Amino acid sequence: MDCIFETPLVSIIIPCYCHEVYLERCLDSVAQQTYKNIEVIIVDDRSPDGSVQEIERIIKSANWNSRFPEGTSFYPLHKNQGAHSAINYAISKSKGSIISILNSDDMYAPDRIRCAVDTMQKNGGELVFTSVQYIDDEDKNITHSHPLGIRLCSSQKKIKRFPSVGFACLASNVAISTGNFVFTKSLFNLVGDFHSYRYCHDWDFLLRAIFYTEPLFVEGDLYYYRLHGKNTFESLQSLAVDETKSIVGDFLARGNFNWPPNVLAPSRLNWPGLFETFLSWYGYDRINTRA
């Protein structure tokens, strides 16, 4: 892998809720990053299990402090506020020019941050996501054996079929999870906070982001997404239809009469004719845009 030209501070944001059994593996994957200029910000969203004690044990250890000698910021919240709020709070405390999120039951591949920063610098992008490997409770790769892993993997493999990465993102949440987002602080300041959608706050942020910047997709399993019985992804799918209508409707309304700063963003202005056909294919032409 080519060396990157600059090493900006990257703030790794870790929202935690009830993931005591996964935390050591999650945080180990951060400590093992080949990219060195990192700060770590952990927010526990009032976990009723032993997550707070486990986080404190790990970040007080000699091994952790030798990797992060400047210390780690840990904020145990006194009231459960939801993943979106925990992420926003952590970002508000961050100092890095680049933000990378990691869900506390998931893991990074060792080269993830280095690859993301390198990709941004080479391509001038402000948001990166990568291919995902799906793992079970024991970290076994179940990408090609678990029904949900198979489906989500297939959605990423189809990205190349679209006119742009942005179109693939509008078709479905091909970034899969907030934990797969790496983006600049300046982009976050334009897009704004993560919203309070229970199921689709990640997809909502992604669609608001592609109005401003074309996402960069890196083919390589650099994010490990754990599939287990408590995944929000699986337990809240009943909310998906209503939230999709709201999120897509807001995106379409935003692009109806405004030139997107991202010249590749899906819109009537950027893609006349093709965009209308796309909306019809996905049934989005029937969504109320509230324009």
C-alpha atoms as a PDB file:
ATOM      1  CA  MET A   1       0.000   0.000   0.000  1.00  0.00           C
ATOM      2  CA  ASP A   2       1.288   3.447  -0.915  1.00  0.00           C
ATOM      3  CA  CYS A   3       2.149   5.772   1.947  1.00  0.00           C
ATOM      4  CA  ILE A   4      -0.217   8.631   2.621  1.00  0.00           C
ATOM      5  CA  PHE A   5       1.114  12.158   2.267  1.00  0.00           C
ATOM      6  CA  GLU A   6      -0.386  13.587   5.444  1.00  0.00           C
ATOM      7  CA  THR A   7      -1.467  12.143   8.758  1.00  0.00           C
ATOM      8  CA  PRO A   8      -4.386  14.236  10.036  1.00  0.00           C
ATOM      9  CA  LEU A   9      -5.834  13.465  13.447  1.00  0.00           C
ATOM     10  CA  VAL A  10      -8.623  10.900  13.149  1.00  0.00           C
ATOM     11  CA  SER A  11     -11.271  10.810  15.870  1.00  0.00           C
ATOM     12  CA  ILE A  12     -12.644   7.287  16.315  1.00  0.00           C
ATOM     13  CA  ILE A  13     -16.145   7.560  17.758  1.00  0.00           C
ATOM     14  CA  ILE A  14     -17.455   4.507  19.626  1.00  0.00           C
ATOM     15  CA  PRO A  15     -21.091   4.599  20.781  1.00  0.00           C
ATOM     16  CA  CYS A  16     -21.791   1.741  23.196  1.00  0.00           C
ATOM     17  CA  TYR A  17     -24.960   0.129  24.489  1.00  0.00           C
ATOM     18  CA  CYS A  18     -25.085  -3.305  26.154  1.00  0.00           C
ATOM     19  CA  HIS A  19     -22.046  -4.752  24.396  1.00  0.00           C
ATOM     20  CA  GLU A  20     -19.950  -5.781  27.380  1.00  0.00           C
ATOM     21  CA  VAL A  21     -19.010  -9.146  25.843  1.00  0.00           C
ATOM     22  CA  TYR A  22     -17.745  -7.563  22.602  1.00  0.00           C
ATOM     23  CA  LEU A  23     -15.932  -4.498  23.908  1.00  0.00           C
ATOM     24  CA  GLU A  24     -12.476  -5.993  24.354  1.00  0.00           C
ATOM     25  CA  ARG A  25     -12.398  -7.249  20.776  1.00  0.00           C
ATOM     26  CA  CYS A  26     -13.818  -3.970  19.483  1.00  0.00           C
ATOM     27  CA  LEU A  27     -11.247  -1.832  21.286  1.00  0.00           C
ATOM     28  CA  ASP A  28      -8.399  -4.216  20.451  1.00  0.00           C
ATOM     29  CA  SER A  29      -9.160  -3.622  16.772  1.00  0.00           C
ATOM     30  CA  VAL A  30      -8.699   0.114  17.376  1.00  0.00           C
ATOM     31  CA  ALA A  31      -5.414  -0.385  19.216  1.00  0.00           C
ATOM     32  CA  GLN A  32      -4.148  -2.513  16.329  1.00  0.00           C
ATOM     33  CA  GLN A  33      -4.632   0.192  13.679  1.00  0.00           C
ATOM     34  CA  THR A  34      -1.564   0.750  11.515  1.00  0.00           C
ATOM     35  CA  TYR A  35      -2.468   4.439  11.312  1.00  0.00           C
ATOM     36  CA  LYS A  36      -1.080   6.141  14.416  1.00  0.00           C
ATOM     37  CA  ASN A  37      -2.544   9.652  14.696  1.00  0.00           C
ATOM     38  CA  ILE A  38      -5.788   8.665  16.411  1.00  0.00           C
ATOM     39  CA  GLU A  39      -7.884   9.879  19.321  1.00  0.00           C
ATOM     40  CA  VAL A  40     -10.575   7.634  20.790  1.00  0.00           C
ATOM     41  CA  ILE A  41     -13.893   8.909  22.117  1.00  0.00           C
ATOM     42  CA  ILE A  42     -16.270   6.417  23.733  1.00  0.00           C
ATOM     43  CA  VAL A  43     -19.818   7.212  24.807  1.00  0.00           C
ATOM     44  CA  ASP A  44     -21.826   4.675  26.783  1.00  0.00           C
ATOM     45  CA  ASP A  45     -25.563   5.221  26.362  1.00  0.00           C
ATOM     46  CA  ARG A  46     -26.543   4.160  29.882  1.00  0.00           C
ATOM     47  CA  SER A  47     -25.904   0.427  29.395  1.00  0.00           C
ATOM     48  CA  PRO A  48     -27.579  -1.718  32.067  1.00  0.00           C
ATOM     49  CA  ASP A  49     -24.918  -4.424  31.734  1.00  0.00           C
ATOM     50  CA  GLY A  50     -21.247  -4.161  32.726  1.00  0.00           C
ATOM     51  CA  SER A  51     -20.171  -2.123  29.694  1.00  0.00           C
ATOM     52  CA  VAL A  52     -19.031   0.908  31.701  1.00  0.00           C
ATOM     53  CA  GLN A  53     -16.825  -1.173  33.985  1.00  0.00           C
ATOM     54  CA  GLU A  54     -15.393  -3.094  31.031  1.00  0.00           C
ATOM     55  CA  ILE A  55     -14.547   0.110  29.152  1.00  0.00           C
ATOM     56  CA  GLU A  56     -12.874   1.566  32.221  1.00  0.00           C
ATOM     57  CA  ARG A  57     -10.870  -1.616  32.749  1.00  0.00           C
ATOM     58  CA  ILE A  58      -9.576  -1.602  29.175  1.00  0.00           C
ATOM     59  CA  ILE A  59      -8.702   2.075  28.841  1.00  0.00           C
ATOM     60  CA  LYS A  60      -6.891   2.043  32.195  1.00  0.00           C
ATOM     61  CA  SER A  61      -4.688  -0.888  31.179  1.00  0.00           C
ATOM     62  CA  ALA A  62      -0.978  -0.443  30.505  1.00  0.00           C
ATOM     63  CA  ASN A  63      -1.270  -1.815  26.972  1.00  0.00           C
ATOM     64  CA  TRP A  64      -4.030   0.644  26.040  1.00  0.00           C
ATOM     65  CA  ASN A  65      -2.204   3.630  27.510  1.00  0.00           C
ATOM     66  CA  SER A  66       1.023   2.719  25.750  1.00  0.00           C
ATOM     67  CA  ARG A  67      -0.890   2.864  22.432  1.00  0.00           C
ATOM     68  CA  PHE A  68      -2.821   6.024  23.335  1.00  0.00           C
ATOM     69  CA  PRO A  69      -0.546   7.934  25.728  1.00  0.00           C
ATOM     70  CA  GLU A  70      -2.570  11.143  25.423  1.00  0.00           C
ATOM     71  CA  GLY A  71      -5.501   9.384  27.034  1.00  0.00           C
ATOM     72  CA  THR A  72      -8.934   8.335  25.872  1.00  0.00           C
ATOM     73  CA  SER A  73     -12.132  10.329  26.324  1.00  0.00           C
ATOM     74  CA  PHE A  74     -14.914   8.292  27.910  1.00  0.00           C
ATOM     75  CA  TYR A  75     -18.377   9.677  28.610  1.00  0.00           C
ATOM     76  CA  PRO A  76     -20.863   7.410  30.434  1.00  0.00           C
ATOM     77  CA  LEU A  77     -24.247   9.068  29.952  1.00  0.00           C
ATOM     78  CA  HIS A  78     -26.706   9.267  32.847  1.00  0.00           C
ATOM     79  CA  LYS A  79     -29.750   8.750  30.614  1.00  0.00           C
ATOM     80  CA  ASN A  80     -30.281   6.558  27.559  1.00  0.00           C
ATOM     81  CA  GLN A  81     -30.666   8.821  24.531  1.00  0.00           C
ATOM     82  CA  GLY A  82     -30.216   6.544  21.513  1.00  0.00           C
ATOM     83  CA  ALA A  83     -27.300   5.764  19.213  1.00  0.00           C
ATOM     84  CA  HIS A  84     -27.722   8.923  17.109  1.00  0.00           C
ATOM     85  CA  SER A  85     -27.430  11.127  20.195  1.00  0.00           C
ATOM     86  CA  ALA A  86     -24.387   9.252  21.508  1.00  0.00           C
ATOM     87  CA  ILE A  87     -22.658   9.721  18.147  1.00  0.00           C
ATOM     88  CA  ASN A  88     -23.489  13.426  17.999  1.00  0.00           C
ATOM     89  CA  TYR A  89     -22.231  13.951  21.532  1.00  0.00           C
ATOM     90  CA  ALA A  90     -18.960  12.177  20.819  1.00  0.00           C
ATOM     91  CA  ILE A  91     -18.399  14.192  17.635  1.00  0.00           C
ATOM     92  CA  SER A  92     -19.008  17.402  19.591  1.00  0.00           C
ATOM     93  CA  LYS A  93     -16.079  16.385  21.827  1.00  0.00           C
ATOM     94  CA  SER A  94     -13.776  15.398  18.964  1.00  0.00           C
ATOM     95  CA  LYS A  95     -10.667  17.271  17.842  1.00  0.00           C
ATOM     96  CA  GLY A  96      -9.867  15.397  14.637  1.00  0.00           C
ATOM     97  CA  SER A  97     -10.396  16.709  11.118  1.00  0.00           C
ATOM     98  CA  ILE A  98     -11.596  13.219  10.169  1.00  0.00           C
ATOM     99  CA  ILE A  99     -14.309  11.245  11.972  1.00  0.00           C
ATOM    100  CA  SER A 100     -14.554   7.456  11.939  1.00  0.00           C
ATOM    101  CA  ILE A 101     -17.379   5.637  13.719  1.00  0.00           C
ATOM    102  CA  LEU A 102     -17.133   2.133  15.177  1.00  0.00           C
ATOM    103  CA  ASN A 103     -20.120   0.395  16.726  1.00  0.00           C
ATOM    104  CA  SER A 104     -19.126  -1.277  19.973  1.00  0.00           C
ATOM    105  CA  ASP A 105     -20.073  -4.813  18.874  1.00  0.00           C
ATOM    106  CA  ASP A 106     -18.090  -4.554  15.628  1.00  0.00           C
ATOM    107  CA  MET A 107     -14.405  -4.433  14.695  1.00  0.00           C
ATOM    108  CA  TYR A 108     -11.981  -2.738  12.303  1.00  0.00           C
ATOM    109  CA  ALA A 109      -9.465  -4.454  10.056  1.00  0.00           C
ATOM    110  CA  PRO A 110      -5.935  -3.271  11.013  1.00  0.00           C
ATOM    111  CA  ASP A 111      -5.460  -1.103   7.895  1.00  0.00           C
ATOM    112  CA  ARG A 112      -8.933   0.462   7.891  1.00  0.00           C
ATOM    113  CA  ILE A 113      -8.066   4.002   9.001  1.00  0.00           C
ATOM    114  CA  ARG A 114      -4.880   4.172   6.938  1.00  0.00           C
ATOM    115  CA  CYS A 115      -6.749   3.042   3.837  1.00  0.00           C
ATOM    116  CA  ALA A 116      -9.629   5.491   4.398  1.00  0.00           C
ATOM    117  CA  VAL A 117      -7.324   8.492   4.882  1.00  0.00           C
ATOM    118  CA  ASP A 118      -5.228   7.456   1.892  1.00  0.00           C
ATOM    119  CA  THR A 119      -8.360   7.144  -0.277  1.00  0.00           C
ATOM    120  CA  MET A 120      -9.595  10.585   0.768  1.00  0.00           C
ATOM    121  CA  GLN A 121      -6.270  12.226   0.008  1.00  0.00           C
ATOM    122  CA  LYS A 122      -5.825  10.556  -3.364  1.00  0.00           C
ATOM    123  CA  ASN A 123      -9.377  11.258  -4.565  1.00  0.00           C
ATOM    124  CA  GLY A 124     -10.274  14.478  -2.787  1.00  0.00           C
ATOM    125  CA  GLY A 125     -13.325  12.903  -1.185  1.00  0.00           C
ATOM    126  CA  GLU A 126     -14.943  13.639   2.146  1.00  0.00           C
ATOM    127  CA  LEU A 127     -16.781  10.383   2.870  1.00  0.00           C
ATOM    128  CA  VAL A 128     -15.498   6.828   2.554  1.00  0.00           C
ATOM    129  CA  PHE A 129     -17.078   3.450   3.200  1.00  0.00           C
ATOM    130  CA  THR A 130     -15.759  -0.031   2.471  1.00  0.00           C
ATOM    131  CA  SER A 131     -16.822  -3.569   1.826  1.00  0.00           C
ATOM    132  CA  VAL A 132     -18.046  -5.360   4.935  1.00  0.00           C
ATOM    133  CA  GLN A 133     -17.342  -8.790   6.341  1.00  0.00           C
ATOM    134  CA  TYR A 134     -20.102 -10.267   8.512  1.00  0.00           C
ATOM    135  CA  ILE A 135     -19.075 -12.171  11.632  1.00  0.00           C
ATOM    136  CA  ASP A 136     -20.782 -14.132  14.403  1.00  0.00           C
ATOM    137  CA  ASP A 137     -20.338 -14.052  18.176  1.00  0.00           C
ATOM    138  CA  GLU A 138     -17.042 -15.931  17.867  1.00  0.00           C
ATOM    139  CA  ASP A 139     -15.686 -13.665  15.092  1.00  0.00           C
ATOM    140  CA  LYS A 140     -16.254 -16.348  12.437  1.00  0.00           C
ATOM    141  CA  ASN A 141     -16.835 -15.079   8.903  1.00  0.00           C
ATOM    142  CA  ILE A 142     -20.506 -15.770   8.052  1.00  0.00           C
ATOM    143  CA  THR A 143     -20.759 -13.447   5.037  1.00  0.00           C
ATOM    144  CA  HIS A 144     -21.678 -16.281   2.696  1.00  0.00           C
ATOM    145  CA  SER A 145     -23.659 -18.449   5.109  1.00  0.00           C
ATOM    146  CA  HIS A 146     -25.945 -16.085   7.072  1.00  0.00           C
ATOM    147  CA  PRO A 147     -29.047 -15.002   5.064  1.00  0.00           C
ATOM    148  CA  LEU A 148     -28.681 -11.348   6.051  1.00  0.00           C
ATOM    149  CA  GLY A 149     -24.937 -11.399   5.388  1.00  0.00           C
ATOM    150  CA  ILE A 150     -25.564 -12.831   1.925  1.00  0.00           C
ATOM    151  CA  ARG A 151     -28.156 -10.152   1.149  1.00  0.00           C
ATOM    152  CA  LEU A 152     -26.080  -7.220   2.386  1.00  0.00           C
ATOM    153  CA  CYS A 153     -22.941  -8.479   0.679  1.00  0.00           C
ATOM    154  CA  SER A 154     -24.883  -8.741  -2.573  1.00  0.00           C
ATOM    155  CA  SER A 155     -26.079  -5.132  -2.257  1.00  0.00           C
ATOM    156  CA  GLN A 156     -22.470  -3.891  -2.108  1.00  0.00           C
ATOM    157  CA  LYS A 157     -21.398  -6.051  -5.046  1.00  0.00           C
ATOM    158  CA  LYS A 158     -24.039  -4.308  -7.170  1.00  0.00           C
ATOM    159  CA  ILE A 159     -22.650  -0.791  -6.571  1.00  0.00           C
ATOM    160  CA  LYS A 160     -20.718  -0.857  -9.853  1.00  0.00           C
ATOM    161  CA  ARG A 161     -23.956  -1.314 -11.789  1.00  0.00           C
ATOM    162  CA  PHE A 162     -25.170   2.186 -10.897  1.00  0.00           C
ATOM    163  CA  PRO A 163     -24.306   5.421 -12.747  1.00  0.00           C
ATOM    164  CA  SER A 164     -22.546   6.644  -9.590  1.00  0.00           C
ATOM    165  CA  VAL A 165     -21.967   5.540  -6.004  1.00  0.00           C
ATOM    166  CA  GLY A 166     -24.550   8.129  -4.995  1.00  0.00           C
ATOM    167  CA  PHE A 167     -27.232   6.352  -7.026  1.00  0.00           C
ATOM    168  CA  ALA A 168     -26.368   3.078  -5.281  1.00  0.00           C
ATOM    169  CA  CYS A 169     -26.721   4.860  -1.932  1.00  0.00           C
ATOM    170  CA  LEU A 170     -30.145   6.180  -2.918  1.00  0.00           C
ATOM    171  CA  ALA A 171     -31.297   2.723  -4.009  1.00  0.00           C
ATOM    172  CA  SER A 172     -30.460   1.298  -0.569  1.00  0.00           C
ATOM    173  CA  ASN A 173     -28.086   1.816   2.330  1.00  0.00           C
ATOM    174  CA  VAL A 174     -25.089   0.143   0.667  1.00  0.00           C
ATOM    175  CA  ALA A 175     -22.804   1.588   3.356  1.00  0.00           C
ATOM    176  CA  ILE A 176     -24.662  -0.809   5.708  1.00  0.00           C
ATOM    177  CA  SER A 177     -23.946   0.909   9.062  1.00  0.00           C
ATOM    178  CA  THR A 178     -22.807   4.112  10.751  1.00  0.00           C
ATOM    179  CA  GLY A 179     -19.737   2.106  11.765  1.00  0.00           C
ATOM    180  CA  ASN A 180     -18.719   1.963   8.115  1.00  0.00           C
ATOM    181  CA  PHE A 181     -18.595   5.776   7.790  1.00  0.00           C
ATOM    182  CA  VAL A 182     -15.353   7.745   7.651  1.00  0.00           C
ATOM    183  CA  PHE A 183     -15.911  11.432   6.876  1.00  0.00           C
ATOM    184  CA  THR A 184     -14.398  14.853   7.358  1.00  0.00           C
ATOM    185  CA  LYS A 185     -15.442  17.105  10.210  1.00  0.00           C
ATOM    186  CA  SER A 186     -16.098  19.834   7.632  1.00  0.00           C
ATOM    187  CA  LEU A 187     -18.631  17.574   5.882  1.00  0.00           C
ATOM    188  CA  PHE A 188     -20.360  16.857   9.182  1.00  0.00           C
ATOM    189  CA  ASN A 189     -20.617  20.605   9.809  1.00  0.00           C
ATOM    190  CA  LEU A 190     -22.412  20.958   6.454  1.00  0.00           C
ATOM    191  CA  VAL A 191     -24.670  17.933   6.810  1.00  0.00           C
ATOM    192  CA  GLY A 192     -25.543  18.408  10.471  1.00  0.00           C
ATOM    193  CA  ASP A 193     -26.227  15.992  13.308  1.00  0.00           C
ATOM    194  CA  PHE A 194     -27.400  12.423  12.963  1.00  0.00           C
ATOM    195  CA  HIS A 195     -31.190  12.470  13.236  1.00  0.00           C
ATOM    196  CA  SER A 196     -33.336  10.452  15.632  1.00  0.00           C
ATOM    197  CA  TYR A 197     -34.477   7.721  13.246  1.00  0.00           C
ATOM    198  CA  ARG A 198     -34.363   4.421  15.130  1.00  0.00           C
ATOM    199  CA  TYR A 199     -33.693   2.222  12.104  1.00  0.00           C
ATOM    200  CA  CYS A 200     -32.320   4.477   9.373  1.00  0.00           C
ATOM    201  CA  HIS A 201     -30.308   7.271  11.040  1.00  0.00           C
ATOM    202  CA  ASP A 202     -27.254   5.984   9.142  1.00  0.00           C
ATOM    203  CA  TRP A 203     -28.975   6.001   5.742  1.00  0.00           C
ATOM    204  CA  ASP A 204     -30.467   9.434   6.430  1.00  0.00           C
ATOM    205  CA  PHE A 205     -27.013  10.874   7.170  1.00  0.00           C
ATOM    206  CA  LEU A 206     -25.590   9.208   4.054  1.00  0.00           C
ATOM    207  CA  LEU A 207     -28.259  10.682   1.780  1.00  0.00           C
ATOM    208  CA  ARG A 208     -27.813  14.143   3.256  1.00  0.00           C
ATOM    209  CA  ALA A 209     -24.051  13.771   2.772  1.00  0.00           C
ATOM    210  CA  ILE A 210     -24.218  12.816  -0.929  1.00  0.00           C
ATOM    211  CA  PHE A 211     -25.907  16.120  -1.663  1.00  0.00           C
ATOM    212  CA  TYR A 212     -22.503  17.677  -0.852  1.00  0.00           C
ATOM    213  CA  THR A 213     -19.931  15.023  -1.760  1.00  0.00           C
ATOM    214  CA  GLU A 214     -19.671  11.867  -3.839  1.00  0.00           C
ATOM    215  CA  PRO A 215     -18.988   8.897  -1.542  1.00  0.00           C
ATOM    216  CA  LEU A 216     -15.873   6.826  -2.160  1.00  0.00           C
ATOM    217  CA  PHE A 217     -16.379   3.071  -2.008  1.00  0.00           C
ATOM    218  CA  VAL A 218     -13.326   0.951  -1.180  1.00  0.00           C
ATOM    219  CA  GLU A 219     -13.536  -2.696  -2.187  1.00  0.00           C
ATOM    220  CA  GLY A 220     -11.913  -4.559   0.659  1.00  0.00           C
ATOM    221  CA  ASP A 221     -13.417  -6.035   3.826  1.00  0.00           C
ATOM    222  CA  LEU A 222     -12.134  -3.404   6.247  1.00  0.00           C
ATOM    223  CA  TYR A 223     -15.182  -3.362   8.529  1.00  0.00           C
ATOM    224  CA  TYR A 224     -16.377  -6.401  10.487  1.00  0.00           C
ATOM    225  CA  TYR A 225     -20.107  -6.235  11.225  1.00  0.00           C
ATOM    226  CA  ARG A 226     -21.302  -8.616  13.900  1.00  0.00           C
ATOM    227  CA  LEU A 227     -24.641 -10.330  13.344  1.00  0.00           C
ATOM    228  CA  HIS A 228     -26.272 -11.432  16.583  1.00  0.00           C
ATOM    229  CA  GLY A 229     -29.687 -11.627  18.205  1.00  0.00           C
ATOM    230  CA  LYS A 230     -29.648  -8.054  19.489  1.00  0.00           C
ATOM    231  CA  ASN A 231     -28.801  -6.267  16.225  1.00  0.00           C
ATOM    232  CA  THR A 232     -30.904  -3.134  15.791  1.00  0.00           C
ATOM    233  CA  PHE A 233     -30.665  -3.857  12.056  1.00  0.00           C
ATOM    234  CA  GLU A 234     -32.770  -6.992  12.438  1.00  0.00           C
ATOM    235  CA  SER A 235     -35.048  -6.014  15.325  1.00  0.00           C
ATOM    236  CA  LEU A 236     -36.392  -2.724  13.960  1.00  0.00           C
ATOM    237  CA  GLN A 237     -37.155  -3.590  10.340  1.00  0.00           C
ATOM    238  CA  SER A 238     -40.849  -2.941  10.906  1.00  0.00           C
ATOM    239  CA  LEU A 239     -39.989   0.767  11.043  1.00  0.00           C
ATOM    240  CA  ALA A 240     -38.108   0.693   7.749  1.00  0.00           C
ATOM    241  CA  VAL A 241     -41.002   1.490   5.405  1.00  0.00           C
ATOM    242  CA  ASP A 242     -42.141   4.664   7.158  1.00  0.00           C
ATOM    243  CA  GLU A 243     -38.606   5.902   7.768  1.00  0.00           C
ATOM    244  CA  THR A 244     -37.634   5.222   4.149  1.00  0.00           C
ATOM    245  CA  LYS A 245     -40.497   7.362   2.877  1.00  0.00           C
ATOM    246  CA  SER A 246     -39.441  10.214   5.141  1.00  0.00           C
ATOM    247  CA  ILE A 247     -35.729  10.002   4.382  1.00  0.00           C
ATOM    248  CA  VAL A 248     -36.031   9.587   0.620  1.00  0.00           C
ATOM    249  CA  GLY A 249     -38.748  12.252   0.478  1.00  0.00           C
ATOM    250  CA  ASP A 250     -36.451  14.741   2.217  1.00  0.00           C
ATOM    251  CA  PHE A 251     -33.598  13.884  -0.168  1.00  0.00           C
ATOM    252  CA  LEU A 252     -35.752  14.362  -3.253  1.00  0.00           C
ATOM    253  CA  ALA A 253     -37.175  17.640  -1.959  1.00  0.00           C
ATOM    254  CA  ARG A 254     -33.666  18.965  -1.314  1.00  0.00           C
ATOM    255  CA  GLY A 255     -32.534  18.252  -4.863  1.00  0.00           C
ATOM    256  CA  ASN A 256     -35.669  19.269  -6.746  1.00  0.00           C
ATOM    257  CA  PHE A 257     -34.837  22.954  -7.150  1.00  0.00           C
ATOM    258  CA  ASN A 258     -31.266  23.281  -5.862  1.00  0.00           C
ATOM    259  CA  TRP A 259     -28.040  22.447  -7.659  1.00  0.00           C
ATOM    260  CA  PRO A 260     -26.261  19.925  -5.446  1.00  0.00           C
ATOM    261  CA  PRO A 261     -22.640  20.864  -4.674  1.00  0.00           C
ATOM    262  CA  ASN A 262     -21.870  17.249  -5.597  1.00  0.00           C
ATOM    263  CA  VAL A 263     -22.115  17.271  -9.403  1.00  0.00           C
ATOM    264  CA  LEU A 264     -22.690  13.501  -9.383  1.00  0.00           C
ATOM    265  CA  ALA A 265     -25.499  13.569  -6.817  1.00  0.00           C
ATOM    266  CA  PRO A 266     -28.716  11.892  -8.041  1.00  0.00           C
ATOM    267  CA  SER A 267     -31.037  14.743  -9.057  1.00  0.00           C
ATOM    268  CA  ARG A 268     -33.102  16.012 -11.952  1.00  0.00           C
ATOM    269  CA  LEU A 269     -30.624  18.824 -12.469  1.00  0.00           C
ATOM    270  CA  ASN A 270     -27.541  16.592 -12.644  1.00  0.00           C
ATOM    271  CA  TRP A 271     -29.095  13.592 -14.412  1.00  0.00           C
ATOM    272  CA  PRO A 272     -32.080  14.747 -16.510  1.00  0.00           C
ATOM    273  CA  GLY A 273     -34.102  11.854 -17.870  1.00  0.00           C
ATOM    274  CA  LEU A 274     -32.079   9.102 -16.227  1.00  0.00           C
ATOM    275  CA  PHE A 275     -33.018  10.343 -12.766  1.00  0.00           C
ATOM    276  CA  GLU A 276     -36.746  10.186 -13.492  1.00  0.00           C
ATOM    277  CA  THR A 277     -36.319   6.645 -14.832  1.00  0.00           C
ATOM    278  CA  PHE A 278     -34.456   5.652 -11.680  1.00  0.00           C
ATOM    279  CA  LEU A 279     -37.232   7.034  -9.464  1.00  0.00           C
ATOM    280  CA  SER A 280     -39.797   5.002 -11.389  1.00  0.00           C
ATOM    281  CA  TRP A 281     -37.739   1.793 -11.109  1.00  0.00           C
ATOM    282  CA  TYR A 282     -37.588   2.073  -7.329  1.00  0.00           C
ATOM    283  CA  GLY A 283     -41.095   3.406  -6.782  1.00  0.00           C
ATOM    284  CA  TYR A 284     -39.707   6.676  -5.453  1.00  0.00           C
ATOM    285  CA  ASP A 285     -41.826   8.693  -7.896  1.00  0.00           C
ATOM    286  CA  ARG A 286     -44.796   7.963  -5.594  1.00  0.00           C
ATOM    287  CA  ILE A 287     -43.138   9.392  -2.479  1.00  0.00           C
ATOM    288  CA  ASN A 288     -44.379  12.745  -1.202  1.00  0.00           C
ATOM    289  CA  THR A 289     -41.399  15.111  -1.313  1.00  0.00           C
ATOM    290  CA  ARG A 290     -43.086  17.871   0.707  1.00  0.00           C
ATOM    291  CA  ALA A 291     -41.496  20.379  -1.642  1.00  0.00           C
END
